[in-house]
Amino acid sequence: MNLVEMRTLVRRDLHDEDEANRRWTDAELDRHIKHALEELSRSVPFETECLIPVTDGDREFTLSTLEGFIRLQAVEYPIDSYPPVFHRFDCRADKLKLLDDILPEAGYIRLYYSAAHTMTEENTSLPSYLEDLVAIGAEGFASLEWAVFCVNRVNSGGTDTPKVFEAIGRERLAYFRNELKRLCSRNKVRVNTFFTPAV
């Protein structure tokens, strides 16, 4: 599901499909979708990997070029060995420091890391089972925004309109955040193997 499809889903759930009389602009809904995607990424990040070029004996690297970087999980070198050879490291902010005595030779090291999900008008990194959850989060943020906007305004729904939108927003965000706690990758047991660092 891309951003256009997600926006359509959110509009449908919020009953905001009348093009002549929309409550939210596309830009506003995109902002709420992005907000929900950012919160979800902290709990259920995108697991990915990349190759970083190294010169002989490099020990420190910058991670600032990794888009949406959240957390480093493993460092492998030499790459494509079987079984894989992983090494100890220290990661502070966007700096990676290798701690083993054996340093990589000229070539590449492979990093396994968690990153923020992306969603554009062409594609997304979000798995399909999380699409509805992002929509619910975006709907919650949009409803709270509208609750604030319609205070001290004439509303066709009457004086309770802000309270109704606030209740809808809070209910959807409560569900969204409870699901994030349940799905959080930090709460799950990861099956890994201890390894003896290369010497």
Protein backbone atom coordinates (compact mmCIF):
# COMPACT_ATOMS: atom_id res chain seq x y z
CA MET A 1 0.00 0.00 0.00
CA ASN A 2 1.45 3.35 -1.02
CA LEU A 3 0.76 6.79 0.43
CA VAL A 4 -2.12 7.54 -1.95
CA GLU A 5 -3.85 4.26 -1.04
CA MET A 6 -3.24 4.84 2.68
CA ARG A 7 -4.69 8.34 2.45
CA THR A 8 -7.79 6.94 0.69
CA LEU A 9 -8.21 4.31 3.44
CA VAL A 10 -7.92 6.94 6.19
CA ARG A 11 -10.45 9.20 4.43
CA ARG A 12 -12.89 6.31 4.07
CA ASP A 13 -12.63 5.38 7.75
CA LEU A 14 -13.10 9.03 8.76
CA HIS A 15 -16.07 9.46 6.35
CA ASP A 16 -14.26 12.32 4.62
CA GLU A 17 -14.73 11.26 0.99
CA ASP A 18 -16.80 14.20 -0.25
CA GLU A 19 -14.28 16.02 -2.47
CA ALA A 20 -16.31 19.23 -2.38
CA ASN A 21 -16.41 19.40 1.42
CA ARG A 22 -13.34 17.77 2.95
CA ARG A 23 -12.35 18.23 6.58
CA TRP A 24 -8.67 17.41 6.00
CA THR A 25 -6.40 18.36 3.12
CA ASP A 26 -4.13 15.73 1.58
CA ALA A 27 -1.13 17.43 3.23
CA GLU A 28 -2.78 17.23 6.68
CA LEU A 29 -3.59 13.54 6.30
CA ASP A 30 -0.08 12.85 4.99
CA ARG A 31 1.32 14.50 8.13
CA HIS A 32 -0.84 12.29 10.37
CA ILE A 33 0.13 9.17 8.40
CA LYS A 34 3.81 10.11 8.76
CA HIS A 35 3.33 10.64 12.52
CA ALA A 36 1.72 7.19 12.89
CA LEU A 37 4.45 5.61 10.75
CA GLU A 38 7.17 7.18 12.92
CA GLU A 39 5.60 5.90 16.14
CA LEU A 40 5.16 2.44 14.66
CA SER A 41 8.79 2.38 13.47
CA ARG A 42 10.05 2.78 17.03
CA SER A 43 8.19 -0.39 18.04
CA VAL A 44 8.23 -2.45 14.84
CA PRO A 45 11.13 -1.14 12.75
CA PHE A 46 12.13 -2.12 9.23
CA GLU A 47 14.88 -4.78 9.44
CA THR A 48 17.48 -4.24 6.73
CA GLU A 49 21.16 -4.51 5.88
CA CYS A 50 23.76 -2.64 3.85
CA LEU A 51 27.39 -2.80 2.77
CA ILE A 52 29.81 -0.08 3.88
CA PRO A 53 33.13 0.37 2.04
CA VAL A 54 36.26 0.20 4.18
CA THR A 55 39.94 0.77 3.68
CA ASP A 56 42.44 -1.57 5.30
CA GLY A 57 42.43 -1.18 9.09
CA ASP A 58 39.40 1.10 9.49
CA ARG A 59 37.93 0.87 12.99
CA GLU A 60 35.46 3.78 13.11
CA PHE A 61 32.59 4.52 10.73
CA THR A 62 29.77 7.03 10.46
CA LEU A 63 26.18 5.80 10.23
CA SER A 64 24.75 9.18 9.24
CA THR A 65 24.24 8.01 5.66
CA LEU A 66 21.86 5.21 6.71
CA GLU A 67 18.39 6.59 6.01
CA GLY A 68 16.01 6.29 8.96
CA PHE A 69 18.62 4.53 11.13
CA ILE A 70 17.28 3.42 14.53
CA ARG A 71 19.44 0.64 15.96
CA LEU A 72 22.48 -1.43 14.88
CA GLN A 73 22.10 -5.17 15.42
CA ALA A 74 25.20 -6.85 13.98
CA VAL A 75 28.43 -6.25 12.06
CA GLU A 76 29.72 -8.93 9.68
CA TYR A 77 33.11 -9.24 8.00
CA PRO A 78 34.53 -10.72 5.92
CA ILE A 79 31.22 -10.65 4.06
CA ASP A 80 29.62 -13.73 2.51
CA SER A 81 31.54 -16.18 4.70
CA TYR A 82 29.73 -19.29 5.85
CA PRO A 83 28.97 -19.43 8.64
CA PRO A 84 28.84 -15.62 8.93
CA VAL A 85 31.57 -14.01 11.04
CA PHE A 86 30.18 -11.36 13.41
CA HIS A 87 32.23 -8.92 15.47
CA ARG A 88 31.84 -6.88 18.64
CA PHE A 89 31.08 -3.18 18.22
CA ASP A 90 30.10 -0.03 20.07
CA CYS A 91 27.48 2.28 18.58
CA ARG A 92 27.01 5.83 19.91
CA ALA A 93 24.64 8.20 18.11
CA ASP A 94 25.73 7.88 14.46
CA LYS A 95 29.24 6.51 15.14
CA LEU A 96 30.23 2.84 14.89
CA LYS A 97 33.44 1.58 16.47
CA LEU A 98 34.72 -1.97 15.99
CA LEU A 99 36.07 -3.50 19.21
CA ASP A 100 37.78 -6.69 18.00
CA ASP A 101 41.54 -6.93 17.43
CA ILE A 102 41.02 -8.15 13.86
CA LEU A 103 40.01 -5.22 11.67
CA PRO A 104 38.42 -5.51 8.24
CA GLU A 105 40.61 -5.57 5.17
CA ALA A 106 39.92 -3.25 2.26
CA GLY A 107 36.51 -4.01 0.81
CA TYR A 108 33.20 -3.98 2.63
CA ILE A 109 31.57 -4.77 5.96
CA ARG A 110 27.89 -5.71 6.22
CA LEU A 111 25.68 -3.97 8.78
CA TYR A 112 22.37 -5.40 9.98
CA TYR A 113 20.19 -2.67 11.42
CA SER A 114 16.68 -1.41 12.17
CA ALA A 115 15.35 1.61 10.31
CA ALA A 116 12.20 3.71 10.14
CA HIS A 117 9.57 2.57 7.66
CA THR A 118 9.08 4.71 4.58
CA MET A 119 5.92 5.35 2.58
CA THR A 120 5.84 7.32 -0.67
CA GLU A 121 3.31 7.71 -3.46
CA GLU A 122 5.09 4.86 -5.27
CA ASN A 123 5.82 2.24 -2.59
CA THR A 124 6.40 1.44 1.08
CA SER A 125 8.55 -0.72 3.33
CA LEU A 126 5.54 -1.36 5.60
CA PRO A 127 4.38 -5.00 5.67
CA SER A 128 0.72 -5.49 4.78
CA TYR A 129 -0.24 -6.76 8.25
CA LEU A 130 0.63 -3.32 9.72
CA GLU A 131 -1.23 -1.18 7.18
CA ASP A 132 -4.53 -1.05 9.08
CA LEU A 133 -2.71 -0.22 12.30
CA VAL A 134 -0.98 2.80 10.71
CA ALA A 135 -4.36 3.91 9.35
CA ILE A 136 -5.91 3.70 12.83
CA GLY A 137 -3.05 5.76 14.29
CA ALA A 138 -3.38 8.39 11.55
CA GLU A 139 -7.15 8.53 12.10
CA GLY A 140 -6.57 9.11 15.81
CA PHE A 141 -4.17 11.99 15.19
CA ALA A 142 -6.50 13.50 12.57
CA SER A 143 -9.53 13.27 14.89
CA LEU A 144 -7.70 15.02 17.73
CA GLU A 145 -6.56 17.74 15.35
CA TRP A 146 -10.15 18.28 14.21
CA ALA A 147 -11.40 18.32 17.82
CA VAL A 148 -9.10 21.26 18.53
CA PHE A 149 -9.98 22.98 15.25
CA CYS A 150 -13.76 22.91 15.76
CA VAL A 151 -13.77 24.43 19.26
CA ASN A 152 -15.59 27.82 19.28
CA ARG A 153 -16.88 27.26 15.75
CA VAL A 154 -20.37 26.70 14.40
CA ASN A 155 -20.62 22.96 13.79
CA SER A 156 -23.45 21.13 12.05
CA GLY A 157 -23.03 18.39 14.68
CA GLY A 158 -23.78 20.77 17.54
CA THR A 159 -21.81 21.85 20.58
CA ASP A 160 -20.64 18.32 21.37
CA THR A 161 -18.72 17.99 18.09
CA PRO A 162 -15.28 18.68 19.63
CA LYS A 163 -15.93 16.13 22.40
CA VAL A 164 -17.05 13.51 19.88
CA PHE A 165 -13.93 13.95 17.76
CA GLU A 166 -11.73 13.96 20.86
CA ALA A 167 -13.31 10.69 22.05
CA ILE A 168 -12.82 9.09 18.64
CA GLY A 169 -9.20 10.28 18.51
CA ARG A 170 -8.36 9.08 22.00
CA GLU A 171 -10.02 5.70 21.43
CA ARG A 172 -8.13 5.06 18.19
CA LEU A 173 -4.80 6.21 19.61
CA ALA A 174 -5.28 4.04 22.70
CA TYR A 175 -5.84 1.01 20.47
CA PHE A 176 -2.91 2.01 18.23
CA ARG A 177 -0.48 2.37 21.13
CA ASN A 178 -1.64 -0.80 22.88
CA GLU A 179 -1.00 -2.73 19.67
CA LEU A 180 2.44 -1.13 19.38
CA LYS A 181 3.27 -2.36 22.89
CA ARG A 182 2.09 -5.85 21.98
CA LEU A 183 4.06 -5.93 18.73
CA CYS A 184 7.18 -4.17 20.01
CA SER A 185 10.31 -5.95 18.79
CA ARG A 186 12.06 -5.16 22.07
CA ASN A 187 9.49 -7.25 23.94
CA LYS A 188 10.15 -10.37 21.89
CA VAL A 189 12.71 -13.06 22.42
CA ARG A 190 15.16 -13.05 19.54
CA VAL A 191 16.75 -16.37 18.70
CA ASN A 192 20.47 -15.74 18.34
CA THR A 193 23.66 -17.65 18.88
CA PHE A 194 26.57 -16.64 21.05
CA PHE A 195 29.76 -16.51 19.06
CA THR A 196 33.44 -16.44 19.81
CA PRO A 197 34.88 -13.23 18.37
CA ALA A 198 37.45 -13.75 15.64
CA VAL A 199 41.00 -13.44 16.97
